[in-house]
Protein backbone atom coordinates (compact mmCIF):
# COMPACT_ATOMS: atom_id res chain seq x y z
CA UNK A 1 243.92 119.90 -52.69
CA UNK A 2 244.67 122.24 -49.73
CA UNK A 3 241.32 123.94 -50.25
CA UNK A 4 239.46 120.60 -50.03
CA UNK A 5 241.22 119.70 -46.77
CA UNK A 6 240.35 123.11 -45.24
CA UNK A 7 236.69 122.75 -46.30
CA UNK A 8 236.50 119.21 -44.88
CA UNK A 9 238.11 120.42 -41.61
CA UNK A 10 235.58 123.27 -41.31
CA UNK A 11 232.62 120.98 -42.02
CA UNK A 12 233.91 118.39 -39.53
CA UNK A 13 234.36 121.10 -36.88
CA UNK A 14 230.81 122.37 -37.42
CA UNK A 15 229.38 118.85 -37.17
CA UNK A 16 231.34 118.11 -33.96
CA UNK A 17 230.22 121.39 -32.37
CA UNK A 18 226.62 120.61 -33.34
CA UNK A 19 226.83 117.14 -31.78
CA UNK A 20 228.34 118.57 -28.57
CA UNK A 21 225.59 121.19 -28.31
CA UNK A 22 222.97 118.51 -28.97
CA UNK A 23 224.27 116.40 -26.09
CA UNK A 24 224.20 119.44 -23.77
CA UNK A 25 220.60 120.25 -24.69
CA UNK A 26 219.56 116.65 -24.17
CA UNK A 27 220.73 116.55 -20.52
CA UNK A 28 217.91 116.59 -17.92
CA UNK A 29 217.77 119.72 -15.82
CA UNK A 30 216.53 120.09 -12.25
CA UNK A 31 213.90 122.78 -12.04
CA UNK A 32 212.62 124.20 -8.77
CA UNK A 33 209.01 125.41 -8.41
CA UNK A 34 208.57 129.04 -9.38
CA UNK A 35 209.76 131.36 -6.61
CA UNK A 36 209.39 128.72 -3.91
CA UNK A 37 213.00 129.29 -2.92
CA UNK A 38 213.17 133.08 -2.64
CA UNK A 39 216.18 133.79 -0.50
CA UNK A 40 216.24 130.17 0.63
CA UNK A 41 214.41 131.31 3.73
CA UNK A 42 211.73 129.33 5.56
CA UNK A 43 208.10 130.37 5.37
CA UNK A 44 206.63 132.82 7.88
CA UNK A 45 203.20 132.03 9.29
CA UNK A 46 200.35 133.69 11.07
CA UNK A 47 197.33 131.90 12.48
CA UNK A 48 193.84 132.57 13.69
CA UNK A 49 192.00 130.52 16.26
CA UNK A 50 188.39 130.08 17.29
CA UNK A 51 188.40 133.35 19.24
CA UNK A 52 190.68 135.61 17.15
CA UNK A 53 189.73 136.63 13.61
CA UNK A 54 191.96 137.89 10.80
CA UNK A 55 191.89 141.66 10.30
CA UNK A 56 193.22 143.81 7.41
CA UNK A 57 196.97 143.28 7.65
CA UNK A 58 200.15 144.08 5.78
CA UNK A 59 202.13 140.87 6.29
CA UNK A 60 205.25 141.91 4.37
CA UNK A 61 206.52 144.88 2.36
CA UNK A 62 208.55 144.33 -0.81
CA UNK A 63 208.81 141.10 -2.74
CA UNK A 64 208.24 137.52 -1.69
CA UNK A 65 206.03 134.48 -2.14
CA UNK A 66 202.56 133.77 -0.78
CA UNK A 67 202.87 130.08 0.06
CA UNK A 68 199.65 128.58 1.31
CA UNK A 69 196.46 128.89 3.31
CA UNK A 70 195.85 126.03 5.74
CA UNK A 71 192.32 125.62 7.08
CA UNK A 72 192.19 123.36 10.13
CA UNK A 73 188.72 124.26 11.41
CA UNK A 74 185.57 125.99 10.24
CA UNK A 75 186.56 128.92 7.99
CA UNK A 76 184.22 131.90 8.34
CA UNK A 77 186.53 134.69 7.13
CA UNK A 78 186.39 135.90 3.52
CA UNK A 79 189.46 137.85 2.46
CA UNK A 80 191.36 138.97 -0.63
CA UNK A 81 195.12 138.65 -1.06
CA UNK A 82 196.69 141.71 -2.68
CA UNK A 83 200.11 142.57 -4.09
CA UNK A 84 200.08 145.91 -2.25
CA UNK A 85 200.89 147.69 0.99
CA UNK A 86 197.47 149.31 1.41
CA UNK A 87 193.93 149.27 0.06
CA UNK A 88 193.99 153.07 -0.34
CA UNK A 89 194.70 153.72 -4.04
CA UNK A 90 196.00 157.23 -3.27
CA UNK A 91 198.73 155.80 -1.02
CA UNK A 92 199.93 153.10 -3.45
CA UNK A 93 203.14 153.58 -5.42
CA UNK A 94 202.08 154.59 -8.91
CA UNK A 95 198.42 154.63 -7.79
CA UNK A 96 197.86 151.12 -9.16
CA UNK A 97 194.25 150.12 -9.67
CA UNK A 98 192.88 147.39 -7.41
CA UNK A 99 192.30 145.16 -10.43
CA UNK A 100 196.07 145.13 -11.10
CA UNK A 101 197.08 144.19 -7.54
CA UNK A 102 194.41 141.54 -6.84
CA UNK A 103 195.94 138.06 -6.55
CA UNK A 104 193.24 135.77 -5.12
CA UNK A 105 190.14 135.64 -2.96
CA UNK A 106 189.70 133.17 -0.10
CA UNK A 107 185.99 132.43 0.44
CA UNK A 108 184.45 131.96 3.88
CA UNK A 109 183.07 128.56 2.93
CA UNK A 110 186.44 126.93 2.26
CA UNK A 111 186.67 123.32 3.45
CA UNK A 112 189.45 122.21 5.79
CA UNK A 113 192.70 121.48 3.94
CA UNK A 114 195.91 122.99 2.62
CA UNK A 115 195.59 125.33 -0.35
CA UNK A 116 198.96 125.97 -2.00
CA UNK A 117 199.41 129.16 -4.03
CA UNK A 118 203.17 129.78 -4.37
CA UNK A 119 202.73 133.07 -6.22
CA UNK A 120 205.01 136.08 -6.18
CA UNK A 121 204.28 139.53 -4.87
CA UNK A 122 206.48 142.52 -5.59
CA UNK A 123 205.02 145.44 -3.64
CA UNK A 124 203.83 143.71 -0.49
CA UNK A 125 201.52 141.00 0.83
CA UNK A 126 198.31 142.59 2.06
CA UNK A 127 195.32 140.72 3.49
CA UNK A 128 192.08 142.63 2.87
CA UNK A 129 189.31 141.14 5.03
CA UNK A 130 185.93 141.34 3.29
CA UNK A 131 183.88 139.52 5.94
CA UNK A 132 185.46 139.00 9.36
CA UNK A 133 184.88 135.75 11.12
CA UNK A 134 186.66 133.22 13.26
CA UNK A 135 188.05 129.81 12.54
CA UNK A 136 191.35 128.01 12.81
CA UNK A 137 193.65 128.67 9.90
CA UNK A 138 197.22 129.63 8.98
CA UNK A 139 198.73 131.79 6.22
CA UNK A 140 202.31 131.12 5.06
CA UNK A 141 204.63 133.42 3.09
CA UNK A 142 208.27 134.33 2.66
């Protein structure tokens, strides 16, 4: 008789634990966009205008998030966004190939608008200008 009571107590305990875990898993969770909150800091920005063009630039060393590219006027600059601190493969940590650090390419023919990327970089945020031009646009990152 004692053995039956112990077995029933164990089975009841297992069922109650399972129900409690089930309720916990069923609760809705708030999820933030990937990496959009790195450090909780606001985005940095740099802009070009109709007389100043983007040039090859290291915007930030280390890790962060490339937020967006906002085109407010005619875009005539074509550039690549790299997870790097330089375009010189011999100066990169670990001599990473360009194909492994390439994140996106922004074409010169991009229409006015906001293009959100929200992707992470770990080595640095480097803008490699392929074709320089002028226009009114803004890059954001943090």
